[in-house]
Amino acid sequence: MNTKYYIILMSLLCLVVIGCQNDIIHFQNDESATSFNSEIFGTVVALDQNPVEGAKIFFAGNVTYSDKNGLYVFKNVKAKNIHNHMTISKDGYIAACKTFRVQKESRLRFKSVLTPMVFAHRISSSAGGIVKNNQVTLSFEPHSFVFDQDKSVYNGDVSIALNYLDPLELQTLETMPGDMSSINTSKELGSLTSFGMVHVELQASDGRKLQIKEGKYVDVSMALKDTHASAARSEVALWHFDYTTGLWSEAGTAVKENNQYKAKVPHFSWWTYGASYPSVTLSGRIVDKDGDPLTNIHVHVHPVGEYIGGYGIVNLDGTFSGAVPKNVPLEMTIHTWGIHCFAKPDNPKVIPIGTLSFKTDVGDIVFDSPALKKFRVKGSFSVCDGSKITDGWLNFYNEFHQPWYSWGFYSHVGTYLYKGLYAGLGIDYSHSKELFISKSESLTKMIINFDPNTGKAIDTTFVNGTLIQKGEINYKSIDIPLVLGFQKSIHKWNLGLECTDGLNIVLEATGKTFNQHLIVSRIESEKDMYKEKLGWSGKINASAAYQISHTTHIIVKPYYLWQMNPISTQNALIKTQWRATGVDIGLRKDF
């Protein structure tokens, strides 16, 4: 099955802008929603961007699990135009949730980033205690813990995983649950803004999950960022994320004291402070300068002056559709974002949207960026026995190779056949060095701060950055060339053209490279990577020779060489072809 694709090197996701559909919509368990046949294709990765195998994905009564590559697929499922949510969970990680909506039959693609739960804090259930990091402080009452499953009282040490998301950090857009869709105490759907989010997980000494005992509360204080302090209200609504609905649910009020918001919470999941707004639908399509739809383009819609807002990647046809705050000045940022979403945005385009009071389709938006790498892929998938694969996937990596230098020598002997026509053979030796660089955004550091008085861990921070993997490959080859050429003499100059059919009898690849864990390995120890000989090659070159004596010429020959067979072995994951352009310089002796 031959298929054409337009592909940009990024990760895939479907756009999810914030909120719901109309000015005020009452949550009605989707009875009024319209459903469309849809296909969902997704990837699950950890913070270091490595795939997560065995994650459980639940959507609309359907369950599947990510494979060893972190991939999963739902086919022929019903997605609604008002509200959908999908949960992604695996032991040891904070559960993720994707909230989205569709306006037609769609092929949706998602990327979910799972954050590991690090139980860096411990208190006694009988004594309670205070747990804090740089932004959040938790105060637990004594005897306030129960087992989550059966609500029976727990006595013993309590391990606590505390994770804070900064609304001004790029990583928050990838790791936060849902899309900031909210539901207030009057069951009205809206769009939420956030001053920060915190997730807390409680664990017993035997690993079982704990919760707060009914009737007990935990005092939560969250420090405001300096950029938020002046605009923060004296009181703001308190919200927790409900994985059963995919919505942030209103659950009280937080009070501002000394640049902190303080509140009491009766249980733990995700919590945030913020305001909710009525919504309208914003739709559009991202295209290139030729009018072709673009995929893997990141779109971020948010109120002017705010950072948290609707975020995602457009659908396969370049479209996006979602809800945005009504009657609030908005702007849209369109950009590529490196190979992973935690990188710095590349060549962003900021578009003022203005204030919307009704459903709006902005039509085609032209995005022309030098960071785009658009190319066409045409082909088919097959397994080793030649049978076609009709349900597979293709992954591209942001990696490039570049030559560093190449040198060699050769010796040819030949004879003139007729006037300027000649033939010859000989032996060629060449040595080439190639550099390769692979860039990705990944977890590069984990910082654990310890209390100097107690020696206990009080804070854990994950740092993401650009991970650059480098390596080099040295190729050494010996070829036997068969040459056919023609030359014409003009005074002391001989100008000509040669065609060469070469037989490679030796290929040796050495050097060093890195595997995905950055362990240095020697290429020569990877016996399944490169062949030991290549067979036939083709070479074409022009020649210019200047006579310096009666029988001696200085000769310059620019050439193009191609190996007819790949240099990688049959079982290698990537087939590598050898193509080379260069210049030969030497002496020719006529006898």
Protein backbone atom coordinates (compact mmCIF):
# COMPACT_ATOMS: atom_id res chain seq x y z
CA MET A 1 0.00 0.00 0.00
CA ASN A 2 1.65 3.23 -1.18
CA THR A 3 0.88 6.31 0.89
CA LYS A 4 1.96 9.94 0.66
CA TYR A 5 2.69 11.96 3.77
CA TYR A 6 3.67 15.48 4.61
CA ILE A 7 5.77 15.29 7.69
CA ILE A 8 7.54 17.83 9.93
CA LEU A 9 10.11 16.57 12.40
CA MET A 10 8.25 16.81 15.78
CA SER A 11 6.25 14.94 17.99
CA LEU A 12 2.62 14.45 17.35
CA LEU A 13 -0.35 15.65 19.31
CA CYS A 14 -3.85 16.90 18.64
CA LEU A 15 -4.75 20.48 19.48
CA VAL A 16 -6.67 20.97 22.65
CA VAL A 17 -7.68 24.55 23.35
CA ILE A 18 -9.31 25.34 26.65
CA GLY A 19 -12.84 25.19 27.93
CA CYS A 20 -16.22 24.26 26.51
CA GLN A 21 -18.53 25.34 23.71
CA ASN A 22 -20.91 28.17 24.56
CA ASP A 23 -21.25 31.17 26.83
CA ILE A 24 -22.59 29.05 29.70
CA ILE A 25 -23.07 25.33 29.30
CA HIS A 26 -24.45 23.13 32.04
CA PHE A 27 -22.75 19.77 32.32
CA GLN A 28 -25.29 17.16 31.21
CA ASN A 29 -23.22 13.96 30.89
CA ASP A 30 -22.99 14.58 27.13
CA GLU A 31 -26.61 13.80 26.25
CA SER A 32 -26.68 16.85 23.97
CA ALA A 33 -23.29 16.15 22.36
CA THR A 34 -22.79 15.03 18.77
CA SER A 35 -20.51 12.04 18.25
CA PHE A 36 -18.12 11.40 15.36
CA ASN A 37 -16.18 8.30 14.35
CA SER A 38 -12.56 8.86 15.26
CA GLU A 39 -9.17 7.20 15.41
CA ILE A 40 -6.73 7.98 18.20
CA PHE A 41 -3.01 7.32 17.85
CA GLY A 42 -0.77 8.28 20.75
CA THR A 43 2.60 7.97 22.40
CA VAL A 44 3.46 7.80 26.10
CA VAL A 45 6.87 8.97 27.25
CA ALA A 46 8.58 9.81 30.52
CA LEU A 47 10.21 13.14 31.33
CA ASP A 48 13.45 11.94 29.73
CA GLN A 49 11.44 11.33 26.51
CA ASN A 50 12.03 7.57 26.60
CA PRO A 51 8.91 5.49 25.80
CA VAL A 52 6.80 4.13 28.64
CA GLU A 53 5.66 0.55 28.09
CA GLY A 54 2.57 -0.88 29.75
CA ALA A 55 0.77 2.40 30.46
CA LYS A 56 -2.99 1.91 30.71
CA ILE A 57 -5.04 4.16 28.41
CA PHE A 58 -8.77 4.45 29.07
CA PHE A 59 -11.18 6.23 26.74
CA ALA A 60 -15.00 6.01 26.61
CA GLY A 61 -15.11 2.46 27.99
CA ASN A 62 -12.19 1.29 25.84
CA VAL A 63 -8.91 0.13 27.35
CA THR A 64 -5.54 -0.50 25.75
CA TYR A 65 -1.88 -0.46 26.82
CA SER A 66 1.19 1.23 25.36
CA ASP A 67 3.69 -1.09 23.68
CA LYS A 68 7.49 -1.15 24.07
CA ASN A 69 7.70 1.98 21.90
CA GLY A 70 5.14 3.81 24.05
CA LEU A 71 2.52 3.60 21.28
CA TYR A 72 -1.20 2.88 21.43
CA VAL A 73 -4.15 3.05 19.03
CA PHE A 74 -7.94 3.31 19.36
CA LYS A 75 -9.81 2.64 16.13
CA ASN A 76 -13.45 3.37 15.32
CA VAL A 77 -14.25 5.07 18.62
CA LYS A 78 -16.87 7.76 19.19
CA ALA A 79 -15.56 11.23 20.10
CA LYS A 80 -17.89 14.10 21.01
CA ASN A 81 -17.99 17.71 19.97
CA ILE A 82 -18.42 19.15 23.48
CA HIS A 83 -16.13 17.24 25.83
CA ASN A 84 -13.95 14.10 25.80
CA HIS A 85 -11.31 12.92 28.22
CA MET A 86 -8.79 10.09 28.14
CA THR A 87 -6.67 8.92 31.09
CA ILE A 88 -3.15 7.49 30.92
CA SER A 89 -1.78 5.76 34.01
CA LYS A 90 1.08 3.52 35.13
CA ASP A 91 2.35 2.54 38.57
CA GLY A 92 5.08 4.87 39.76
CA TYR A 93 3.89 7.82 37.65
CA ILE A 94 1.38 10.62 38.09
CA ALA A 95 -1.63 9.80 35.92
CA ALA A 96 -2.10 11.98 32.83
CA CYS A 97 -5.36 13.07 31.22
CA LYS A 98 -6.08 14.41 27.74
CA THR A 99 -9.20 16.54 27.33
CA PHE A 100 -10.35 17.33 23.80
CA ARG A 101 -13.25 17.80 21.39
CA VAL A 102 -13.87 17.18 17.69
CA GLN A 103 -16.04 18.89 15.07
CA LYS A 104 -16.01 16.10 12.46
CA GLU A 105 -14.68 12.59 11.84
CA SER A 106 -11.08 12.87 12.93
CA ARG A 107 -7.74 11.14 13.17
CA LEU A 108 -6.33 12.38 16.46
CA ARG A 109 -2.78 12.08 17.71
CA PHE A 110 -1.62 12.67 21.27
CA LYS A 111 1.62 12.69 23.17
CA SER A 112 1.45 12.13 26.92
CA VAL A 113 4.37 12.90 29.23
CA LEU A 114 4.28 11.00 32.54
CA THR A 115 5.99 12.45 35.60
CA PRO A 116 7.50 9.97 38.07
CA MET A 117 6.27 10.10 41.65
CA VAL A 118 9.25 10.74 43.92
CA PHE A 119 8.43 10.05 47.57
CA ALA A 120 11.02 12.42 49.00
CA HIS A 121 9.15 13.29 52.24
CA ARG A 122 8.08 11.22 55.25
CA ILE A 123 6.03 11.93 58.38
CA SER A 124 4.41 9.88 61.12
CA SER A 125 0.65 9.37 60.86
CA SER A 126 0.29 9.73 64.62
CA ALA A 127 2.17 13.02 64.81
CA GLY A 128 1.31 14.64 61.51
CA GLY A 129 3.75 17.29 60.40
CA ILE A 130 4.79 19.86 57.84
CA VAL A 131 6.10 19.07 54.36
CA LYS A 132 7.33 21.73 51.96
CA ASN A 133 9.32 22.55 48.90
CA ASN A 134 10.26 25.91 47.40
CA GLN A 135 6.66 26.78 46.41
CA VAL A 136 4.25 24.64 48.47
CA THR A 137 3.81 23.94 52.17
CA LEU A 138 1.53 21.15 53.49
CA SER A 139 0.48 20.90 57.14
CA PHE A 140 -1.01 17.52 58.20
CA GLU A 141 -3.06 16.90 61.33
CA PRO A 142 -2.25 13.86 63.49
CA HIS A 143 -4.26 10.66 62.89
CA SER A 144 -5.69 11.90 59.57
CA PHE A 145 -4.77 9.06 57.16
CA VAL A 146 -6.83 6.19 55.77
CA PHE A 147 -6.26 3.56 53.09
CA ASP A 148 -7.68 4.83 49.81
CA GLN A 149 -9.30 1.52 48.88
CA ASP A 150 -11.38 0.70 51.95
CA LYS A 151 -11.06 3.91 54.06
CA SER A 152 -9.76 1.98 57.06
CA VAL A 153 -7.51 3.93 59.45
CA TYR A 154 -3.77 3.80 58.80
CA ASN A 155 -1.08 4.03 61.47
CA GLY A 156 2.57 4.22 60.55
CA ASP A 157 4.99 6.23 58.46
CA VAL A 158 3.53 8.16 55.53
CA SER A 159 5.63 8.72 52.40
CA ILE A 160 4.69 11.84 50.42
CA ALA A 161 5.34 12.71 46.78
CA LEU A 162 4.95 16.44 46.17
CA ASN A 163 5.02 17.86 42.65
CA TYR A 164 4.52 21.52 41.75
CA LEU A 165 3.87 22.89 38.26
CA ASP A 166 4.83 26.47 37.52
CA PRO A 167 2.26 28.12 35.18
CA LEU A 168 5.11 30.11 33.56
CA GLU A 169 7.15 27.03 32.60
CA LEU A 170 6.93 25.43 29.15
CA GLN A 171 6.97 21.95 30.67
CA THR A 172 3.66 22.63 32.45
CA LEU A 173 1.81 22.62 29.12
CA GLU A 174 2.89 19.02 28.52
CA THR A 175 2.55 17.54 32.01
CA MET A 176 -0.57 19.21 33.44
CA PRO A 177 -3.79 17.15 33.42
CA GLY A 178 -6.61 18.11 31.05
CA ASP A 179 -6.83 21.38 29.13
CA MET A 180 -8.02 23.79 31.86
CA SER A 181 -11.69 22.99 31.22
CA SER A 182 -13.54 23.58 34.48
CA ILE A 183 -16.90 23.02 36.12
CA ASN A 184 -18.11 25.27 38.92
CA THR A 185 -20.46 24.52 41.80
CA SER A 186 -23.44 25.45 39.59
CA LYS A 187 -22.39 22.73 37.09
CA GLU A 188 -21.43 25.37 34.52
CA LEU A 189 -18.51 24.59 32.23
CA GLY A 190 -15.83 27.22 31.74
CA SER A 191 -12.17 27.97 31.00
CA LEU A 192 -9.74 28.15 33.91
CA THR A 193 -6.62 30.23 34.47
CA SER A 194 -4.08 29.08 37.05
CA PHE A 195 -1.63 30.57 39.55
CA GLY A 196 0.11 27.21 39.91
CA MET A 197 -0.71 23.52 40.33
CA VAL A 198 0.29 20.94 42.91
CA HIS A 199 -0.07 17.15 42.98
CA VAL A 200 0.29 15.15 46.17
CA GLU A 201 0.40 11.37 46.53
CA LEU A 202 0.34 9.62 49.94
CA GLN A 203 1.75 6.12 50.40
CA ALA A 204 1.78 3.64 53.28
CA SER A 205 4.89 1.76 54.33
CA ASP A 206 3.68 -1.28 52.36
CA GLY A 207 3.21 0.78 49.16
CA ARG A 208 -0.57 1.09 49.28
CA LYS A 209 -2.18 4.42 48.44
CA LEU A 210 -3.45 6.61 51.28
CA GLN A 211 -5.96 9.45 51.47
CA ILE A 212 -7.10 11.99 54.04
CA LYS A 213 -9.59 10.79 56.63
CA GLU A 214 -13.13 12.13 56.27
CA GLY A 215 -13.59 15.21 58.43
CA LYS A 216 -9.88 16.02 58.40
CA TYR A 217 -8.18 18.72 56.28
CA VAL A 218 -4.69 19.60 55.15
CA ASP A 219 -3.55 23.21 55.16
CA VAL A 220 -2.01 24.04 51.78
CA SER A 221 0.01 27.20 51.14
CA MET A 222 1.27 27.99 47.64
CA ALA A 223 3.65 30.88 47.03
CA LEU A 224 2.80 33.27 44.21
CA LYS A 225 5.28 34.06 41.48
CA ASP A 226 6.40 37.70 41.44
CA THR A 227 4.77 38.13 38.02
CA HIS A 228 1.43 37.06 39.51
CA ALA A 229 1.54 38.75 42.90
CA SER A 230 0.32 42.20 41.82
CA ALA A 231 -2.63 40.81 39.82
CA ALA A 232 -3.67 38.17 42.34
CA ARG A 233 -7.03 38.74 44.05
CA SER A 234 -7.50 38.60 47.80
CA GLU A 235 -9.70 35.52 47.31
CA VAL A 236 -9.82 33.09 44.41
CA ALA A 237 -11.62 29.86 43.67
CA LEU A 238 -9.98 26.55 44.60
CA TRP A 239 -10.15 23.66 42.10
CA HIS A 240 -9.19 19.98 42.06
CA PHE A 241 -8.82 17.82 38.99
CA ASP A 242 -11.37 15.02 38.60
CA TYR A 243 -10.00 12.14 36.49
CA THR A 244 -13.51 10.68 36.12
CA THR A 245 -14.71 13.73 34.16
CA GLY A 246 -11.49 15.28 32.86
CA LEU A 247 -12.50 18.60 34.42
CA TRP A 248 -11.17 20.93 37.10
CA SER A 249 -13.94 20.96 39.71
CA GLU A 250 -14.56 23.93 42.01
CA ALA A 251 -14.09 22.98 45.65
CA GLY A 252 -13.85 26.05 47.82
CA THR A 253 -11.91 29.28 48.16
CA ALA A 254 -8.27 30.19 48.70
CA VAL A 255 -7.25 33.34 50.59
CA LYS A 256 -4.21 35.48 49.78
CA GLU A 257 -1.83 36.14 52.67
CA ASN A 258 1.67 37.61 52.23
CA ASN A 259 1.98 36.63 48.58
CA GLN A 260 0.70 33.14 49.29
CA TYR A 261 -2.64 31.50 48.64
CA LYS A 262 -3.84 29.41 51.57
CA ALA A 263 -6.64 26.87 51.68
CA LYS A 264 -7.81 23.67 53.36
CA VAL A 265 -8.24 20.56 51.20
CA PRO A 266 -10.06 17.34 52.20
CA HIS A 267 -8.28 14.94 49.84
CA PHE A 268 -5.42 14.81 47.37
CA SER A 269 -5.20 14.78 43.61
CA TRP A 270 -4.25 17.85 41.59
CA TRP A 271 -5.13 21.24 43.10
CA THR A 272 -4.93 24.75 41.67
CA TYR A 273 -6.07 28.30 42.37
CA GLY A 274 -7.60 30.36 39.58
CA ALA A 275 -10.57 32.03 37.93
CA SER A 276 -12.99 30.49 35.43
CA TYR A 277 -14.46 32.33 32.42
CA PRO A 278 -17.33 31.64 29.99
CA SER A 279 -16.14 30.34 26.63
CA VAL A 280 -16.61 30.49 22.88
CA THR A 281 -15.27 28.17 20.20
CA LEU A 282 -12.22 29.16 18.15
CA SER A 283 -11.31 27.15 15.03
CA GLY A 284 -8.91 27.45 12.13
CA ARG A 285 -6.30 25.74 9.99
CA ILE A 286 -2.51 26.15 9.75
CA VAL A 287 -1.08 26.02 6.22
CA ASP A 288 2.27 26.72 4.56
CA LYS A 289 2.93 29.40 1.94
CA ASP A 290 1.69 27.00 -0.77
CA GLY A 291 -1.64 26.48 0.98
CA ASP A 292 -0.80 22.91 2.05
CA PRO A 293 -1.95 21.95 5.57
CA LEU A 294 0.82 21.60 8.13
CA THR A 295 1.02 18.96 10.83
CA ASN A 296 2.95 18.98 14.10
CA ILE A 297 2.66 22.74 14.44
CA HIS A 298 2.17 23.92 18.02
CA VAL A 299 -0.64 26.36 18.73
CA HIS A 300 -0.97 28.19 22.02
CA VAL A 301 -4.03 30.41 22.66
CA HIS A 302 -4.15 32.38 25.89
CA PRO A 303 -5.40 35.64 27.38
CA VAL A 304 -3.03 38.55 26.81
CA GLY A 305 -0.68 38.76 29.79
CA GLU A 306 -1.38 35.16 30.87
CA TYR A 307 0.66 32.09 30.05
CA ILE A 308 -1.55 29.10 30.85
CA GLY A 309 -4.12 28.59 28.12
CA GLY A 310 -5.13 26.30 25.28
CA TYR A 311 -2.19 24.36 23.91
CA GLY A 312 -1.56 21.49 21.53
CA ILE A 313 -0.58 20.42 18.04
CA VAL A 314 -2.87 20.66 15.05
CA ASN A 315 -4.65 17.65 13.54
CA LEU A 316 -3.35 15.79 10.50
CA ASP A 317 -5.28 18.14 8.20
CA GLY A 318 -3.82 21.22 9.90
CA THR A 319 -7.06 22.12 11.69
CA PHE A 320 -7.64 23.04 15.31
CA SER A 321 -10.80 23.69 17.28
CA GLY A 322 -11.42 24.41 20.92
CA ALA A 323 -12.84 26.82 23.43
CA VAL A 324 -11.29 30.07 24.62
CA PRO A 325 -12.39 32.62 27.22
CA LYS A 326 -15.21 34.84 26.06
CA ASN A 327 -14.90 38.64 26.11
CA VAL A 328 -11.21 38.45 27.10
CA PRO A 329 -8.40 39.82 24.87
CA LEU A 330 -6.61 36.81 23.36
CA GLU A 331 -3.52 36.10 21.32
CA MET A 332 -2.31 33.02 19.49
CA THR A 333 1.30 31.83 19.26
CA ILE A 334 2.22 29.42 16.46
CA HIS A 335 5.60 27.76 16.39
CA THR A 336 7.69 24.68 15.96
CA TRP A 337 9.30 23.41 19.13
CA GLY A 338 12.37 21.33 18.40
CA ILE A 339 12.08 17.56 18.47
CA HIS A 340 10.38 17.56 21.87
CA CYS A 341 8.00 19.94 23.48
CA PHE A 342 10.29 21.10 26.30
CA ALA A 343 12.61 22.92 23.91
CA LYS A 344 12.67 26.63 23.28
CA PRO A 345 10.04 27.61 20.69
CA ASP A 346 11.52 28.12 17.24
CA ASN A 347 10.49 31.13 15.14
CA PRO A 348 7.16 31.81 16.88
CA LYS A 349 4.45 33.76 15.10
CA VAL A 350 2.18 35.77 17.41
CA ILE A 351 -1.28 36.63 16.11
CA PRO A 352 -3.60 39.00 18.02
CA ILE A 353 -7.03 37.37 18.19
CA GLY A 354 -8.82 40.19 20.00
CA THR A 355 -11.95 39.80 22.08
CA LEU A 356 -14.42 37.11 20.99
CA SER A 357 -18.09 37.09 21.94
CA PHE A 358 -19.30 34.30 19.63
CA LYS A 359 -18.07 31.19 17.82
CA THR A 360 -15.28 32.14 15.40
CA ASP A 361 -13.45 30.38 12.57
CA VAL A 362 -10.31 32.31 11.62
CA GLY A 363 -9.85 30.24 8.43
CA ASP A 364 -6.38 29.51 7.03
CA ILE A 365 -3.37 30.93 8.84
CA VAL A 366 -0.16 30.92 6.80
CA PHE A 367 2.90 29.84 8.81
CA ASP A 368 6.19 30.13 6.95
CA SER A 369 9.23 29.39 9.09
CA PRO A 370 12.84 28.47 8.21
CA ALA A 371 12.63 25.88 11.00
CA LEU A 372 10.12 23.84 8.97
CA LYS A 373 11.46 20.80 7.20
CA LYS A 374 8.72 19.54 4.93
CA PHE A 375 9.31 16.55 2.72
CA ARG A 376 7.32 13.85 1.00
CA VAL A 377 7.58 10.20 1.94
CA LYS A 378 6.26 7.56 -0.41
CA GLY A 379 6.61 3.83 0.05
CA SER A 380 5.28 0.74 1.72
CA PHE A 381 5.99 -1.28 4.85
CA SER A 382 6.90 -4.95 4.68
CA VAL A 383 8.25 -7.63 6.98
CA CYS A 384 11.20 -9.91 6.25
CA ASP A 385 9.12 -12.40 4.24
CA GLY A 386 7.97 -9.61 1.92
CA SER A 387 4.36 -9.40 3.14
CA LYS A 388 2.95 -5.90 3.47
CA ILE A 389 2.30 -4.13 6.77
CA THR A 390 -0.94 -2.14 6.68
CA ASP A 391 -1.05 -1.05 10.32
CA GLY A 392 2.36 0.29 11.29
CA TRP A 393 4.08 3.51 12.25
CA LEU A 394 7.10 5.44 11.09
CA ASN A 395 9.32 7.47 13.41
CA PHE A 396 11.74 10.20 12.29
CA TYR A 397 14.62 11.50 14.37
CA ASN A 398 16.25 14.91 14.28
CA GLU A 399 19.70 13.66 13.42
CA PHE A 400 22.13 14.76 10.76
CA HIS A 401 25.47 13.56 9.45
CA GLN A 402 28.15 15.68 7.89
CA PRO A 403 31.51 14.79 6.33
CA TRP A 404 34.61 16.05 8.06
CA TYR A 405 37.35 15.03 5.70
CA SER A 406 38.26 12.39 3.14
CA TRP A 407 41.61 11.43 1.68
CA GLY A 408 43.14 8.55 -0.21
CA PHE A 409 45.35 7.50 -3.06
CA TYR A 410 45.06 5.39 -6.16
CA SER A 411 47.18 3.90 -8.89
CA HIS A 412 45.77 3.39 -12.38
CA VAL A 413 47.30 1.91 -15.55
CA GLY A 414 45.65 2.14 -18.93
CA THR A 415 46.02 2.30 -22.67
CA TYR A 416 44.67 4.46 -25.47
CA LEU A 417 42.16 2.59 -27.62
CA TYR A 418 41.41 5.07 -30.39
CA LYS A 419 42.50 8.70 -30.64
CA GLY A 420 41.40 10.26 -27.32
CA LEU A 421 39.50 7.18 -26.07
CA TYR A 422 41.26 5.19 -23.33
CA ALA A 423 40.59 2.40 -20.81
CA GLY A 424 42.31 1.37 -17.60
CA LEU A 425 42.15 -0.35 -14.22
CA GLY A 426 43.93 -0.07 -10.91
CA ILE A 427 43.43 0.02 -7.16
CA ASP A 428 41.92 2.79 -4.99
CA TYR A 429 42.27 3.36 -1.25
CA SER A 430 40.13 5.94 0.56
CA HIS A 431 39.66 7.04 4.17
CA SER A 432 36.69 9.21 5.21
CA LYS A 433 35.64 10.59 8.60
CA GLU A 434 31.99 11.49 9.25
CA LEU A 435 30.47 13.35 12.18
CA PHE A 436 26.90 12.85 13.35
CA ILE A 437 24.88 14.87 15.84
CA SER A 438 21.50 14.01 17.35
CA LYS A 439 19.61 16.63 19.38
CA SER A 440 16.64 16.02 21.64
CA GLU A 441 14.98 17.64 24.63
CA SER A 442 15.26 15.37 27.64
CA LEU A 443 15.54 15.11 31.41
CA THR A 444 19.14 16.16 32.06
CA LYS A 445 19.25 16.62 35.82
CA MET A 446 17.37 15.73 39.02
CA ILE A 447 18.08 17.99 42.00
CA ILE A 448 17.22 16.82 45.53
CA ASN A 449 17.51 19.37 48.36
CA PHE A 450 18.01 18.13 51.91
CA ASP A 451 17.14 19.72 55.23
CA PRO A 452 20.50 20.60 56.86
CA ASN A 453 19.09 19.91 60.32
CA THR A 454 17.40 16.57 59.77
CA GLY A 455 19.16 15.32 56.66
CA LYS A 456 15.82 14.46 55.09
CA ALA A 457 14.91 15.28 51.49
CA ILE A 458 12.62 18.31 51.32
CA ASP A 459 12.41 19.12 47.64
CA THR A 460 12.94 17.41 44.28
CA THR A 461 13.31 19.31 41.02
CA PHE A 462 13.49 17.88 37.50
CA VAL A 463 15.53 19.89 35.00
CA ASN A 464 15.04 19.49 31.26
CA GLY A 465 17.45 20.67 28.60
CA THR A 466 18.87 19.94 25.20
CA LEU A 467 20.55 16.55 25.06
CA ILE A 468 23.20 16.44 22.33
CA GLN A 469 24.61 13.09 21.30
CA LYS A 470 27.71 13.09 19.13
CA GLY A 471 29.85 10.54 17.45
CA GLU A 472 32.17 9.87 14.57
CA ILE A 473 32.60 7.13 11.99
CA ASN A 474 35.77 6.35 10.02
CA TYR A 475 35.34 4.47 6.75
CA LYS A 476 38.28 2.78 5.06
CA SER A 477 37.73 1.13 1.70
CA ILE A 478 39.69 -0.58 -1.08
CA ASP A 479 38.23 -0.65 -4.60
CA ILE A 480 39.27 -2.03 -7.97
CA PRO A 481 38.20 0.51 -10.67
CA LEU A 482 37.51 -0.18 -14.33
CA VAL A 483 37.90 3.12 -16.21
CA LEU A 484 36.65 4.25 -19.60
CA GLY A 485 37.41 7.83 -20.63
CA PHE A 486 37.90 10.36 -23.36
CA GLN A 487 40.23 13.35 -23.46
CA LYS A 488 41.12 16.11 -25.87
CA SER A 489 44.39 18.03 -25.98
CA ILE A 490 44.39 21.82 -26.23
CA HIS A 491 47.97 23.09 -26.18
CA LYS A 492 49.35 22.00 -22.79
CA TRP A 493 45.93 21.11 -21.45
CA ASN A 494 44.15 17.75 -21.64
CA LEU A 495 40.40 17.99 -20.89
CA GLY A 496 38.30 14.90 -20.55
CA LEU A 497 35.46 12.87 -19.02
CA GLU A 498 35.68 9.48 -17.25
CA CYS A 499 33.16 6.83 -16.21
CA THR A 500 34.27 4.23 -13.69
CA ASP A 501 32.74 0.94 -12.60
CA GLY A 502 34.31 -0.01 -9.27
CA LEU A 503 34.36 -3.21 -7.25
CA ASN A 504 34.66 -2.68 -3.49
CA ILE A 505 36.55 -5.56 -1.90
CA VAL A 506 37.16 -4.16 1.61
CA LEU A 507 35.10 -1.85 3.86
CA GLU A 508 36.07 -1.15 7.44
CA ALA A 509 34.04 1.08 9.78
CA THR A 510 35.58 2.27 13.04
CA GLY A 511 34.98 5.14 15.46
CA LYS A 512 32.68 5.73 18.37
CA THR A 513 29.03 6.48 18.95
CA PHE A 514 26.51 6.74 21.79
CA ASN A 515 23.52 4.58 22.50
CA GLN A 516 20.30 6.03 23.94
CA HIS A 517 21.78 5.95 27.47
CA LEU A 518 24.87 7.92 26.38
CA ILE A 519 27.21 4.98 26.86
CA VAL A 520 30.19 5.21 24.51
CA SER A 521 30.57 2.17 22.30
CA ARG A 522 33.02 1.27 19.58
CA ILE A 523 31.46 0.86 16.15
CA GLU A 524 33.83 -1.96 15.27
CA SER A 525 32.26 -4.01 18.07
CA GLU A 526 28.82 -3.61 16.48
CA LYS A 527 29.16 -6.41 13.94
CA ASP A 528 25.58 -6.07 12.73
CA MET A 529 25.90 -2.43 11.65
CA TYR A 530 28.12 -2.29 8.56
CA LYS A 531 29.13 -4.61 5.76
CA GLU A 532 32.70 -5.75 5.18
CA LYS A 533 32.48 -5.21 1.41
CA LEU A 534 30.00 -3.43 -0.82
CA GLY A 535 30.28 -4.83 -4.32
CA TRP A 536 29.80 -2.54 -7.29
CA SER A 537 29.89 1.24 -7.40
CA GLY A 538 29.64 3.92 -10.06
CA LYS A 539 31.78 7.02 -10.49
CA ILE A 540 31.74 9.85 -12.99
CA ASN A 541 34.26 12.67 -13.18
CA ALA A 542 35.60 15.42 -15.37
CA SER A 543 39.36 15.83 -15.70
CA ALA A 544 41.75 18.66 -16.43
CA ALA A 545 45.46 17.86 -16.86
CA TYR A 546 48.29 20.37 -17.37
CA GLN A 547 51.51 19.23 -19.00
CA ILE A 548 54.61 20.03 -16.94
CA SER A 549 56.99 17.86 -18.96
CA HIS A 550 56.89 15.73 -22.07
CA THR A 551 55.41 12.71 -20.22
CA THR A 552 54.07 14.18 -16.94
CA HIS A 553 50.83 16.02 -16.17
CA ILE A 554 49.28 17.52 -13.06
CA ILE A 555 45.70 16.30 -13.04
CA VAL A 556 42.56 17.55 -11.23
CA LYS A 557 39.40 15.40 -11.32
CA PRO A 558 36.14 16.50 -9.61
CA TYR A 559 33.92 13.42 -9.15
CA TYR A 560 30.62 12.00 -7.94
CA LEU A 561 30.65 8.46 -6.48
CA TRP A 562 27.77 6.24 -5.47
CA GLN A 563 27.75 2.75 -3.99
CA MET A 564 25.03 0.61 -5.54
CA ASN A 565 24.52 -1.39 -2.34
CA PRO A 566 23.91 -0.04 1.19
CA ILE A 567 26.88 0.05 3.54
CA SER A 568 24.74 -1.25 6.42
CA THR A 569 24.02 -4.92 6.94
CA GLN A 570 20.73 -6.55 6.04
CA ASN A 571 19.55 -6.63 9.67
CA ALA A 572 20.43 -3.01 10.46
CA LEU A 573 17.49 -0.84 11.49
CA ILE A 574 18.44 1.96 9.07
CA LYS A 575 19.74 1.32 5.56
CA THR A 576 22.60 3.70 4.81
CA GLN A 577 23.73 4.52 1.28
CA TRP A 578 27.16 5.94 0.47
CA ARG A 579 27.25 8.95 -1.82
CA ALA A 580 30.35 11.14 -2.14
CA THR A 581 31.41 14.25 -4.03
CA GLY A 582 35.05 15.26 -4.08
CA VAL A 583 38.15 16.22 -6.05
CA ASP A 584 41.10 13.97 -6.95
CA ILE A 585 44.48 15.70 -7.39
CA GLY A 586 47.59 13.91 -8.60
CA LEU A 587 50.18 13.20 -11.31
CA ARG A 588 49.76 11.25 -14.53
CA LYS A 589 52.74 9.62 -16.23
CA ASP A 590 52.54 8.68 -19.91
CA PHE A 591 54.78 5.90 -21.26
